[in-house]
């Protein structure tokens, strides 16, 4: 089914480079991008999403990077995000809301299913594969924008469709959602928030890049320019809302030594008022988690939880006492 708001015109737009964009070329892009016009798309989309969530959850539980990468490649959630950018560029209000709906339902479904997997898969978590997805910074936003641009161009020009697998690997969408669900199941809410922040960062980066690419390539629709400007401003505003936490994580990464020294001091001050006055032997920072090795470690569960919560409130990180 060919979808185009200007289907009666042969040359409906000129792109940023003053080249005419034939209707047939535009219709091909729309048919590839807006998958929700195809018959039975819900079944295939839901099936691929469920499979990718299952693979990602098992891979995270196993701490297997290869398995997690496999889940990234088959995950279908990237296409509706690119389509969201395309709908905004075209000024299609209904399609914009439909893509937002698909993304939200897909994200909630992924978190819920991974939560259930977390109940079944009992491993040494949080592990490396989970922790590296809990502390996104400005570099992740940059990767999302560049990868989103490549993915959008891949949908626009079929000869470059091979880049889509690389885009899926570069910008992980399902693994952070699965990490979020699994961490919610274990009660590690700080890590869950960090994982969701990574997903949201990738979503905003891809959507913004898609709007820009489709605008430059001539998919914008001048008669619906008001929705285009409104949608673009919403995406940019949402992007600015995550700049601060991303910048904070980036700053902590750049000043890792000073940050670790500060953590050592805070932990020491809190622990010296605890039972048996345990001493900090080692501190390591993994994503949004701080692993503190103390001696002696109290066996009093209530006291241990009190110290843990106090450290978390002062640092903003998930704390594990060993």
C-alpha atoms as a PDB file:
ATOM      1  CA  UNK A   1       0.000   0.000   0.000  1.00  0.00           C
ATOM      2  CA  UNK A   2       1.521   3.277  -1.116  1.00  0.00           C
ATOM      3  CA  UNK A   3       1.343   6.023   1.470  1.00  0.00           C
ATOM      4  CA  UNK A   4       2.024   9.655   0.629  1.00  0.00           C
ATOM      5  CA  UNK A   5       0.217  12.847   1.661  1.00  0.00           C
ATOM      6  CA  UNK A   6       0.943  14.331  -1.802  1.00  0.00           C
ATOM      7  CA  UNK A   7       0.193  11.272  -3.935  1.00  0.00           C
ATOM      8  CA  UNK A   8      -1.314  13.341  -6.778  1.00  0.00           C
ATOM      9  CA  UNK A   9       1.962  15.160  -7.445  1.00  0.00           C
ATOM     10  CA  UNK A  10       4.819  13.636  -9.415  1.00  0.00           C
ATOM     11  CA  UNK A  11       7.451  15.816  -7.804  1.00  0.00           C
ATOM     12  CA  UNK A  12       6.067  16.702  -4.403  1.00  0.00           C
ATOM     13  CA  UNK A  13       9.121  18.191  -2.762  1.00  0.00           C
ATOM     14  CA  UNK A  14      12.682  19.291  -3.287  1.00  0.00           C
ATOM     15  CA  UNK A  15      15.240  18.149  -0.801  1.00  0.00           C
ATOM     16  CA  UNK A  16      17.813  20.285   0.994  1.00  0.00           C
ATOM     17  CA  UNK A  17      20.117  19.936  -2.034  1.00  0.00           C
ATOM     18  CA  UNK A  18      17.440  21.278  -4.450  1.00  0.00           C
ATOM     19  CA  UNK A  19      16.895  17.867  -6.014  1.00  0.00           C
ATOM     20  CA  UNK A  20      13.402  16.705  -6.900  1.00  0.00           C
ATOM     21  CA  UNK A  21      12.117  13.668  -4.999  1.00  0.00           C
ATOM     22  CA  UNK A  22       9.823  11.562  -7.218  1.00  0.00           C
ATOM     23  CA  UNK A  23       6.657  10.192  -5.679  1.00  0.00           C
ATOM     24  CA  UNK A  24       7.686   6.586  -6.421  1.00  0.00           C
ATOM     25  CA  UNK A  25      10.905   6.982  -4.434  1.00  0.00           C
ATOM     26  CA  UNK A  26       9.055   8.516  -1.503  1.00  0.00           C
ATOM     27  CA  UNK A  27       6.370   5.798  -1.543  1.00  0.00           C
ATOM     28  CA  UNK A  28       9.060   3.086  -1.397  1.00  0.00           C
ATOM     29  CA  UNK A  29      10.556   4.709   1.684  1.00  0.00           C
ATOM     30  CA  UNK A  30       7.148   4.973   3.347  1.00  0.00           C
ATOM     31  CA  UNK A  31       6.302   1.326   2.649  1.00  0.00           C
ATOM     32  CA  UNK A  32       9.595   0.213   4.206  1.00  0.00           C
ATOM     33  CA  UNK A  33       9.501   2.581   7.136  1.00  0.00           C
ATOM     34  CA  UNK A  34       5.876   2.607   8.260  1.00  0.00           C
ATOM     35  CA  UNK A  35       5.538  -1.136   8.838  1.00  0.00           C
ATOM     36  CA  UNK A  36       2.209  -0.672  10.635  1.00  0.00           C
ATOM     37  CA  UNK A  37       0.469  -0.368   7.225  1.00  0.00           C
ATOM     38  CA  UNK A  38       1.396  -3.976   6.441  1.00  0.00           C
ATOM     39  CA  UNK A  39      -0.959  -6.855   7.174  1.00  0.00           C
ATOM     40  CA  UNK A  40      -0.380  -8.822  10.380  1.00  0.00           C
ATOM     41  CA  UNK A  41       2.472  -6.576  11.477  1.00  0.00           C
ATOM     42  CA  UNK A  42       1.466  -6.901  15.134  1.00  0.00           C
ATOM     43  CA  UNK A  43       2.090 -10.645  15.179  1.00  0.00           C
ATOM     44  CA  UNK A  44       5.524 -10.445  13.576  1.00  0.00           C
ATOM     45  CA  UNK A  45       6.569  -7.395  15.596  1.00  0.00           C
ATOM     46  CA  UNK A  46       5.427  -8.946  18.882  1.00  0.00           C
ATOM     47  CA  UNK A  47       7.107 -12.260  18.082  1.00  0.00           C
ATOM     48  CA  UNK A  48      10.470 -10.689  17.210  1.00  0.00           C
ATOM     49  CA  UNK A  49      10.280  -8.434  20.260  1.00  0.00           C
ATOM     50  CA  UNK A  50       9.558 -11.375  22.570  1.00  0.00           C
ATOM     51  CA  UNK A  51      12.417 -13.387  21.061  1.00  0.00           C
ATOM     52  CA  UNK A  52      14.885 -10.525  21.367  1.00  0.00           C
ATOM     53  CA  UNK A  53      13.867  -9.892  25.001  1.00  0.00           C
ATOM     54  CA  UNK A  54      14.317 -13.583  25.806  1.00  0.00           C
ATOM     55  CA  UNK A  55      17.766 -13.711  24.209  1.00  0.00           C
ATOM     56  CA  UNK A  56      18.865 -10.453  25.853  1.00  0.00           C
ATOM     57  CA  UNK A  57      17.642 -11.511  29.301  1.00  0.00           C
ATOM     58  CA  UNK A  58      19.452 -14.841  29.110  1.00  0.00           C
ATOM     59  CA  UNK A  59      22.579 -13.138  27.776  1.00  0.00           C
ATOM     60  CA  UNK A  60      22.562 -10.613  30.595  1.00  0.00           C
ATOM     61  CA  UNK A  61      22.045 -13.379  33.145  1.00  0.00           C
ATOM     62  CA  UNK A  62      24.967 -15.325  31.643  1.00  0.00           C
ATOM     63  CA  UNK A  63      27.114 -12.199  31.377  1.00  0.00           C
ATOM     64  CA  UNK A  64      27.569 -13.119  27.697  1.00  0.00           C
ATOM     65  CA  UNK A  65      28.336 -10.223  25.361  1.00  0.00           C
ATOM     66  CA  UNK A  66      27.903 -12.399  22.239  1.00  0.00           C
ATOM     67  CA  UNK A  67      24.378 -13.413  23.255  1.00  0.00           C
ATOM     68  CA  UNK A  68      23.426  -9.822  24.045  1.00  0.00           C
ATOM     69  CA  UNK A  69      24.726  -8.691  20.639  1.00  0.00           C
ATOM     70  CA  UNK A  70      22.541 -11.330  19.002  1.00  0.00           C
ATOM     71  CA  UNK A  71      19.511  -9.860  20.762  1.00  0.00           C
ATOM     72  CA  UNK A  72      20.451  -6.391  19.511  1.00  0.00           C
ATOM     73  CA  UNK A  73      20.481  -7.532  15.875  1.00  0.00           C
ATOM     74  CA  UNK A  74      17.026  -9.115  15.856  1.00  0.00           C
ATOM     75  CA  UNK A  75      15.351  -6.481  18.069  1.00  0.00           C
ATOM     76  CA  UNK A  76      12.595  -4.687  16.088  1.00  0.00           C
ATOM     77  CA  UNK A  77      12.253  -1.636  18.340  1.00  0.00           C
ATOM     78  CA  UNK A  78      14.617   0.545  16.312  1.00  0.00           C
ATOM     79  CA  UNK A  79      12.327   0.784  13.282  1.00  0.00           C
ATOM     80  CA  UNK A  80       9.388   2.515  15.016  1.00  0.00           C
ATOM     81  CA  UNK A  81      11.831   5.022  16.525  1.00  0.00           C
ATOM     82  CA  UNK A  82      13.201   5.873  13.075  1.00  0.00           C
ATOM     83  CA  UNK A  83       9.614   5.950  11.795  1.00  0.00           C
ATOM     84  CA  UNK A  84       8.752   8.380  14.589  1.00  0.00           C
ATOM     85  CA  UNK A  85      11.361  10.781  13.216  1.00  0.00           C
ATOM     86  CA  UNK A  86       9.988  10.245   9.711  1.00  0.00           C
ATOM     87  CA  UNK A  87       6.409  10.946  10.831  1.00  0.00           C
ATOM     88  CA  UNK A  88       7.483  14.192  12.508  1.00  0.00           C
ATOM     89  CA  UNK A  89       9.463  15.247   9.429  1.00  0.00           C
ATOM     90  CA  UNK A  90       6.375  14.626   7.294  1.00  0.00           C
ATOM     91  CA  UNK A  91       4.084  16.404   9.699  1.00  0.00           C
ATOM     92  CA  UNK A  92       1.961  13.285  10.127  1.00  0.00           C
ATOM     93  CA  UNK A  93       0.250  13.729  13.486  1.00  0.00           C
ATOM     94  CA  UNK A  94      -1.608  10.420  13.526  1.00  0.00           C
ATOM     95  CA  UNK A  95       1.471   8.421  12.534  1.00  0.00           C
ATOM     96  CA  UNK A  96       3.522  10.231  15.163  1.00  0.00           C
ATOM     97  CA  UNK A  97       1.161   9.147  17.932  1.00  0.00           C
ATOM     98  CA  UNK A  98       0.952   5.616  16.534  1.00  0.00           C
ATOM     99  CA  UNK A  99       4.737   5.279  16.610  1.00  0.00           C
ATOM    100  CA  UNK A 100       4.895   6.681  20.142  1.00  0.00           C
ATOM    101  CA  UNK A 101       2.250   4.148  21.159  1.00  0.00           C
ATOM    102  CA  UNK A 102       4.199   1.259  19.606  1.00  0.00           C
ATOM    103  CA  UNK A 103       7.439   2.376  21.282  1.00  0.00           C
ATOM    104  CA  UNK A 104       5.830   2.794  24.713  1.00  0.00           C
ATOM    105  CA  UNK A 105       3.997  -0.551  24.543  1.00  0.00           C
ATOM    106  CA  UNK A 106       7.168  -2.268  23.289  1.00  0.00           C
ATOM    107  CA  UNK A 107       9.265  -0.776  26.095  1.00  0.00           C
ATOM    108  CA  UNK A 108       6.755  -1.673  28.822  1.00  0.00           C
ATOM    109  CA  UNK A 109       6.392  -5.191  27.404  1.00  0.00           C
ATOM    110  CA  UNK A 110      10.189  -5.640  27.342  1.00  0.00           C
ATOM    111  CA  UNK A 111      10.601  -4.485  30.946  1.00  0.00           C
ATOM    112  CA  UNK A 112       7.741  -6.684  32.149  1.00  0.00           C
ATOM    113  CA  UNK A 113       8.941  -9.833  30.369  1.00  0.00           C
ATOM    114  CA  UNK A 114      12.541  -9.309  31.516  1.00  0.00           C
ATOM    115  CA  UNK A 115      11.194  -8.853  35.057  1.00  0.00           C
ATOM    116  CA  UNK A 116       9.618 -12.302  34.777  1.00  0.00           C
ATOM    117  CA  UNK A 117      12.859 -13.727  33.398  1.00  0.00           C
ATOM    118  CA  UNK A 118      14.614 -12.184  36.396  1.00  0.00           C
ATOM    119  CA  UNK A 119      12.417 -14.297  38.663  1.00  0.00           C
ATOM    120  CA  UNK A 120      13.506 -17.457  36.841  1.00  0.00           C
ATOM    121  CA  UNK A 121      17.151 -16.730  36.004  1.00  0.00           C
ATOM    122  CA  UNK A 122      19.134 -16.739  39.196  1.00  0.00           C
ATOM    123  CA  UNK A 123      22.724 -15.792  38.472  1.00  0.00           C
ATOM    124  CA  UNK A 124      25.453 -13.540  39.792  1.00  0.00           C
ATOM    125  CA  UNK A 125      23.781 -10.238  39.043  1.00  0.00           C
ATOM    126  CA  UNK A 126      24.357  -7.412  38.601  1.00  0.00           C
ATOM    127  CA  UNK A 127      27.283  -8.493  36.442  1.00  0.00           C
ATOM    128  CA  UNK A 128      29.450  -6.671  33.928  1.00  0.00           C
ATOM    129  CA  UNK A 129      26.970  -6.838  31.044  1.00  0.00           C
ATOM    130  CA  UNK A 130      24.273  -5.272  33.217  1.00  0.00           C
ATOM    131  CA  UNK A 131      26.449  -2.690  34.936  1.00  0.00           C
ATOM    132  CA  UNK A 132      27.892  -1.264  31.698  1.00  0.00           C
ATOM    133  CA  UNK A 133      24.329  -0.349  30.713  1.00  0.00           C
ATOM    134  CA  UNK A 134      23.531   1.607  33.868  1.00  0.00           C
ATOM    135  CA  UNK A 135      25.624   4.756  33.485  1.00  0.00           C
ATOM    136  CA  UNK A 136      25.109   6.423  30.081  1.00  0.00           C
ATOM    137  CA  UNK A 137      26.855   9.705  29.387  1.00  0.00           C
ATOM    138  CA  UNK A 138      27.159  12.267  26.600  1.00  0.00           C
ATOM    139  CA  UNK A 139      29.135   9.848  24.446  1.00  0.00           C
ATOM    140  CA  UNK A 140      26.137   7.511  24.313  1.00  0.00           C
ATOM    141  CA  UNK A 141      23.953  10.364  23.060  1.00  0.00           C
ATOM    142  CA  UNK A 142      26.529  11.113  20.370  1.00  0.00           C
ATOM    143  CA  UNK A 143      26.608   7.471  19.268  1.00  0.00           C
ATOM    144  CA  UNK A 144      22.801   7.395  19.149  1.00  0.00           C
ATOM    145  CA  UNK A 145      22.663  10.479  16.921  1.00  0.00           C
ATOM    146  CA  UNK A 146      25.301   9.244  14.462  1.00  0.00           C
ATOM    147  CA  UNK A 147      23.896   5.710  14.389  1.00  0.00           C
ATOM    148  CA  UNK A 148      20.356   7.071  14.017  1.00  0.00           C
ATOM    149  CA  UNK A 149      21.473   9.110  11.019  1.00  0.00           C
ATOM    150  CA  UNK A 150      23.054   6.025   9.443  1.00  0.00           C
ATOM    151  CA  UNK A 151      19.938   3.963  10.127  1.00  0.00           C
ATOM    152  CA  UNK A 152      17.637   6.602   8.663  1.00  0.00           C
ATOM    153  CA  UNK A 153      19.741   6.793   5.499  1.00  0.00           C
ATOM    154  CA  UNK A 154      19.696   2.993   5.344  1.00  0.00           C
ATOM    155  CA  UNK A 155      15.895   3.026   5.270  1.00  0.00           C
ATOM    156  CA  UNK A 156      15.924   5.810   2.679  1.00  0.00           C
ATOM    157  CA  UNK A 157      18.404   4.156   0.306  1.00  0.00           C
ATOM    158  CA  UNK A 158      17.867   0.407   0.042  1.00  0.00           C
ATOM    159  CA  UNK A 159      21.417  -0.193  -1.222  1.00  0.00           C
ATOM    160  CA  UNK A 160      22.629   0.848   2.239  1.00  0.00           C
ATOM    161  CA  UNK A 161      20.189  -1.333   4.175  1.00  0.00           C
ATOM    162  CA  UNK A 162      23.111  -3.514   5.276  1.00  0.00           C
ATOM    163  CA  UNK A 163      24.077  -0.790   7.753  1.00  0.00           C
ATOM    164  CA  UNK A 164      20.957  -1.479   9.839  1.00  0.00           C
ATOM    165  CA  UNK A 165      22.537  -4.457  11.609  1.00  0.00           C
ATOM    166  CA  UNK A 166      25.516  -2.293  12.563  1.00  0.00           C
ATOM    167  CA  UNK A 167      23.191   0.421  13.797  1.00  0.00           C
ATOM    168  CA  UNK A 168      21.348  -2.113  15.978  1.00  0.00           C
ATOM    169  CA  UNK A 169      24.648  -3.175  17.558  1.00  0.00           C
ATOM    170  CA  UNK A 170      25.930   0.378  18.020  1.00  0.00           C
ATOM    171  CA  UNK A 171      22.724   1.583  19.680  1.00  0.00           C
ATOM    172  CA  UNK A 172      21.344  -0.988  22.099  1.00  0.00           C
ATOM    173  CA  UNK A 173      17.617  -0.698  22.797  1.00  0.00           C
ATOM    174  CA  UNK A 174      16.444  -4.058  24.139  1.00  0.00           C
ATOM    175  CA  UNK A 175      19.408  -4.894  26.457  1.00  0.00           C
ATOM    176  CA  UNK A 176      18.996  -1.736  28.594  1.00  0.00           C
ATOM    177  CA  UNK A 177      15.256  -2.386  28.906  1.00  0.00           C
ATOM    178  CA  UNK A 178      15.947  -5.979  29.944  1.00  0.00           C
ATOM    179  CA  UNK A 179      18.587  -4.802  32.429  1.00  0.00           C
ATOM    180  CA  UNK A 180      15.984  -2.384  33.793  1.00  0.00           C
ATOM    181  CA  UNK A 181      13.394  -5.133  34.282  1.00  0.00           C
ATOM    182  CA  UNK A 182      15.874  -7.511  35.886  1.00  0.00           C
ATOM    183  CA  UNK A 183      17.162  -4.844  38.266  1.00  0.00           C
ATOM    184  CA  UNK A 184      13.608  -3.883  39.255  1.00  0.00           C
ATOM    185  CA  UNK A 185      13.012  -7.542  40.123  1.00  0.00           C
ATOM    186  CA  UNK A 186      16.097  -7.525  42.361  1.00  0.00           C
ATOM    187  CA  UNK A 187      15.153  -4.216  43.967  1.00  0.00           C
ATOM    188  CA  UNK A 188      18.141  -2.278  42.593  1.00  0.00           C
ATOM    189  CA  UNK A 189      16.159   0.778  41.545  1.00  0.00           C
ATOM    190  CA  UNK A 190      19.172   3.045  40.974  1.00  0.00           C
ATOM    191  CA  UNK A 191      20.569   0.578  38.438  1.00  0.00           C
ATOM    192  CA  UNK A 192      17.119   0.199  36.878  1.00  0.00           C
ATOM    193  CA  UNK A 193      16.857   3.984  36.435  1.00  0.00           C
ATOM    194  CA  UNK A 194      20.319   4.106  34.866  1.00  0.00           C
ATOM    195  CA  UNK A 195      19.426   1.364  32.382  1.00  0.00           C
ATOM    196  CA  UNK A 196      16.204   3.113  31.412  1.00  0.00           C
ATOM    197  CA  UNK A 197      18.116   6.385  30.987  1.00  0.00           C
ATOM    198  CA  UNK A 198      20.342   4.629  28.437  1.00  0.00           C
ATOM    199  CA  UNK A 199      17.298   3.438  26.487  1.00  0.00           C
ATOM    200  CA  UNK A 200      15.723   6.886  26.589  1.00  0.00           C
ATOM    201  CA  UNK A 201      18.996   8.503  25.497  1.00  0.00           C
ATOM    202  CA  UNK A 202      19.182   6.182  22.498  1.00  0.00           C
ATOM    203  CA  UNK A 203      15.528   6.838  21.671  1.00  0.00           C
ATOM    204  CA  UNK A 204      15.970  10.621  21.652  1.00  0.00           C
ATOM    205  CA  UNK A 205      19.222  10.452  19.697  1.00  0.00           C
ATOM    206  CA  UNK A 206      17.781   8.200  16.987  1.00  0.00           C
ATOM    207  CA  UNK A 207      14.537  10.178  16.676  1.00  0.00           C
ATOM    208  CA  UNK A 208      16.369  13.509  16.390  1.00  0.00           C
ATOM    209  CA  UNK A 209      18.784  12.129  13.784  1.00  0.00           C
ATOM    210  CA  UNK A 210      15.889  10.653  11.789  1.00  0.00           C
ATOM    211  CA  UNK A 211      14.054  13.995  11.718  1.00  0.00           C
ATOM    212  CA  UNK A 212      17.189  15.766  10.510  1.00  0.00           C
ATOM    213  CA  UNK A 213      18.070  13.183   7.850  1.00  0.00           C
ATOM    214  CA  UNK A 214      14.558  12.919   6.422  1.00  0.00           C
ATOM    215  CA  UNK A 215      14.249  16.706   6.413  1.00  0.00           C
ATOM    216  CA  UNK A 216      17.480  17.076   4.448  1.00  0.00           C
ATOM    217  CA  UNK A 217      16.568  14.259   2.050  1.00  0.00           C
ATOM    218  CA  UNK A 218      13.230  15.809   1.171  1.00  0.00           C
ATOM    219  CA  UNK A 219      10.648  13.850   3.137  1.00  0.00           C
ATOM    220  CA  UNK A 220       9.406  16.968   4.886  1.00  0.00           C
ATOM    221  CA  UNK A 221       5.919  18.141   3.999  1.00  0.00           C
ATOM    222  CA  UNK A 222       5.574  21.931   3.839  1.00  0.00           C
ATOM    223  CA  UNK A 223       1.791  21.959   4.198  1.00  0.00           C
ATOM    224  CA  UNK A 224       2.121  20.270   7.593  1.00  0.00           C
ATOM    225  CA  UNK A 225       5.078  22.319   8.749  1.00  0.00           C
ATOM    226  CA  UNK A 226       3.436  23.306  12.031  1.00  0.00           C
ATOM    227  CA  UNK A 227       3.446  19.703  13.315  1.00  0.00           C
ATOM    228  CA  UNK A 228       7.001  19.270  12.045  1.00  0.00           C
ATOM    229  CA  UNK A 229       8.240  22.238  14.096  1.00  0.00           C
ATOM    230  CA  UNK A 230       6.211  21.231  17.147  1.00  0.00           C
ATOM    231  CA  UNK A 231       7.393  17.618  17.067  1.00  0.00           C
ATOM    232  CA  UNK A 232      11.000  18.641  16.522  1.00  0.00           C
ATOM    233  CA  UNK A 233      10.885  21.047  19.470  1.00  0.00           C
ATOM    234  CA  UNK A 234       9.406  18.331  21.704  1.00  0.00           C
ATOM    235  CA  UNK A 235      12.233  15.934  20.792  1.00  0.00           C
ATOM    236  CA  UNK A 236      14.869  18.638  21.355  1.00  0.00           C
ATOM    237  CA  UNK A 237      13.316  19.610  24.707  1.00  0.00           C
ATOM    238  CA  UNK A 238      13.316  15.993  25.833  1.00  0.00           C
ATOM    239  CA  UNK A 239      16.934  15.798  24.744  1.00  0.00           C
ATOM    240  CA  UNK A 240      17.865  18.773  26.901  1.00  0.00           C
ATOM    241  CA  UNK A 241      16.111  17.128  29.862  1.00  0.00           C
ATOM    242  CA  UNK A 242      18.672  14.302  29.870  1.00  0.00           C
ATOM    243  CA  UNK A 243      21.750  16.429  29.224  1.00  0.00           C
ATOM    244  CA  UNK A 244      22.399  17.088  32.915  1.00  0.00           C
ATOM    245  CA  UNK A 245      22.464  13.441  34.125  1.00  0.00           C
ATOM    246  CA  UNK A 246      24.499  12.452  31.067  1.00  0.00           C
ATOM    247  CA  UNK A 247      26.955  15.274  31.716  1.00  0.00           C
ATOM    248  CA  UNK A 248      27.252  14.265  35.380  1.00  0.00           C
ATOM    249  CA  UNK A 249      28.092  10.695  34.415  1.00  0.00           C
ATOM    250  CA  UNK A 250      30.609  11.935  31.866  1.00  0.00           C
ATOM    251  CA  UNK A 251      32.212  14.193  34.469  1.00  0.00           C
ATOM    252  CA  UNK A 252      32.469  11.284  36.922  1.00  0.00           C
ATOM    253  CA  UNK A 253      34.105   9.198  34.211  1.00  0.00           C
ATOM    254  CA  UNK A 254      36.666  11.887  33.436  1.00  0.00           C
ATOM    255  CA  UNK A 255      37.463  12.490  37.103  1.00  0.00           C
ATOM    256  CA  UNK A 256      37.328   8.839  38.121  1.00  0.00           C
ATOM    257  CA  UNK A 257      40.258   9.026  40.525  1.00  0.00           C
ATOM    258  CA  UNK A 258      38.933  12.088  42.354  1.00  0.00           C
ATOM    259  CA  UNK A 259      35.412  10.623  42.387  1.00  0.00           C
ATOM    260  CA  UNK A 260      36.648   7.359  43.897  1.00  0.00           C
ATOM    261  CA  UNK A 261      38.586   9.268  46.567  1.00  0.00           C
ATOM    262  CA  UNK A 262      35.407  11.168  47.480  1.00  0.00           C
ATOM    263  CA  UNK A 263      33.478   7.895  47.717  1.00  0.00           C
ATOM    264  CA  UNK A 264      36.199   6.409  49.938  1.00  0.00           C
ATOM    265  CA  UNK A 265      35.928   9.369  52.300  1.00  0.00           C
ATOM    266  CA  UNK A 266      32.109   9.280  52.464  1.00  0.00           C
ATOM    267  CA  UNK A 267      32.040   5.532  53.017  1.00  0.00           C
ATOM    268  CA  UNK A 268      34.649   5.802  55.765  1.00  0.00           C
ATOM    269  CA  UNK A 269      32.693   8.509  57.594  1.00  0.00           C
ATOM    270  CA  UNK A 270      29.497   6.461  57.540  1.00  0.00           C
ATOM    271  CA  UNK A 271      31.085   3.124  58.456  1.00  0.00           C
ATOM    272  CA  UNK A 272      32.981   4.468  61.455  1.00  0.00           C
ATOM    273  CA  UNK A 273      29.613   5.089  63.130  1.00  0.00           C
ATOM    274  CA  UNK A 274      28.447   1.565  62.369  1.00  0.00           C
ATOM    275  CA  UNK A 275      28.735  -1.485  64.621  1.00  0.00           C
ATOM    276  CA  UNK A 276      32.318  -2.779  64.996  1.00  0.00           C
ATOM    277  CA  UNK A 277      33.498   0.279  63.026  1.00  0.00           C
ATOM    278  CA  UNK A 278      34.409  -1.643  59.848  1.00  0.00           C
ATOM    279  CA  UNK A 279      37.084  -0.208  57.556  1.00  0.00           C
ATOM    280  CA  UNK A 280      36.946   0.278  53.815  1.00  0.00           C
ATOM    281  CA  UNK A 281      39.450  -2.027  52.114  1.00  0.00           C
ATOM    282  CA  UNK A 282      38.572  -1.393  48.474  1.00  0.00           C
ATOM    283  CA  UNK A 283      36.093   0.543  46.315  1.00  0.00           C
ATOM    284  CA  UNK A 284      35.260  -0.100  42.672  1.00  0.00           C
ATOM    285  CA  UNK A 285      32.767   1.746  40.467  1.00  0.00           C
ATOM    286  CA  UNK A 286      30.942  -0.223  37.776  1.00  0.00           C
ATOM    287  CA  UNK A 287      28.323   1.769  35.883  1.00  0.00           C
ATOM    288  CA  UNK A 288      25.885   3.084  38.474  1.00  0.00           C
ATOM    289  CA  UNK A 289      27.075   0.608  41.089  1.00  0.00           C
ATOM    290  CA  UNK A 290      29.642   1.047  43.842  1.00  0.00           C
ATOM    291  CA  UNK A 291      31.108  -2.170  45.212  1.00  0.00           C
ATOM    292  CA  UNK A 292      32.665  -1.562  48.637  1.00  0.00           C
ATOM    293  CA  UNK A 293      34.802  -4.184  50.313  1.00  0.00           C
ATOM    294  CA  UNK A 294      34.713  -3.684  54.095  1.00  0.00           C
ATOM    295  CA  UNK A 295      36.162  -5.562  57.069  1.00  0.00           C
ATOM    296  CA  UNK A 296      34.618  -6.771  59.205  1.00  0.00           C
ATOM    297  CA  UNK A 297      31.254  -6.927  57.409  1.00  0.00           C
ATOM    298  CA  UNK A 298      28.426  -6.914  59.915  1.00  0.00           C
ATOM    299  CA  UNK A 299      26.061  -9.881  59.927  1.00  0.00           C
ATOM    300  CA  UNK A 300      23.251  -7.707  61.213  1.00  0.00           C
ATOM    301  CA  UNK A 301      20.919  -7.447  58.207  1.00  0.00           C
ATOM    302  CA  UNK A 302      19.173  -4.328  59.498  1.00  0.00           C
ATOM    303  CA  UNK A 303      22.449  -2.539  60.210  1.00  0.00           C
ATOM    304  CA  UNK A 304      23.851  -3.565  56.832  1.00  0.00           C
ATOM    305  CA  UNK A 305      20.769  -2.216  55.051  1.00  0.00           C
ATOM    306  CA  UNK A 306      20.945   1.039  57.025  1.00  0.00           C
ATOM    307  CA  UNK A 307      24.556   1.623  56.024  1.00  0.00           C
ATOM    308  CA  UNK A 308      23.770   0.704  52.410  1.00  0.00           C
ATOM    309  CA  UNK A 309      20.828   3.112  52.186  1.00  0.00           C
ATOM    310  CA  UNK A 310      22.796   5.917  53.789  1.00  0.00           C
ATOM    311  CA  UNK A 311      25.629   5.467  51.300  1.00  0.00           C
ATOM    312  CA  UNK A 312      23.166   5.389  48.398  1.00  0.00           C
ATOM    313  CA  UNK A 313      21.438   8.576  49.542  1.00  0.00           C
ATOM    314  CA  UNK A 314      24.763  10.433  49.734  1.00  0.00           C
ATOM    315  CA  UNK A 315      26.284   9.123  46.503  1.00  0.00           C
ATOM    316  CA  UNK A 316      23.272   8.542  44.236  1.00  0.00           C
ATOM    317  CA  UNK A 317      24.769   5.186  43.264  1.00  0.00           C
ATOM    318  CA  UNK A 318      23.655   1.617  43.917  1.00  0.00           C
ATOM    319  CA  UNK A 319      25.839   0.305  46.758  1.00  0.00           C
ATOM    320  CA  UNK A 320      26.913  -3.290  47.341  1.00  0.00           C
ATOM    321  CA  UNK A 321      28.798  -4.214  50.502  1.00  0.00           C
ATOM    322  CA  UNK A 322      31.156  -7.162  50.289  1.00  0.00           C
END
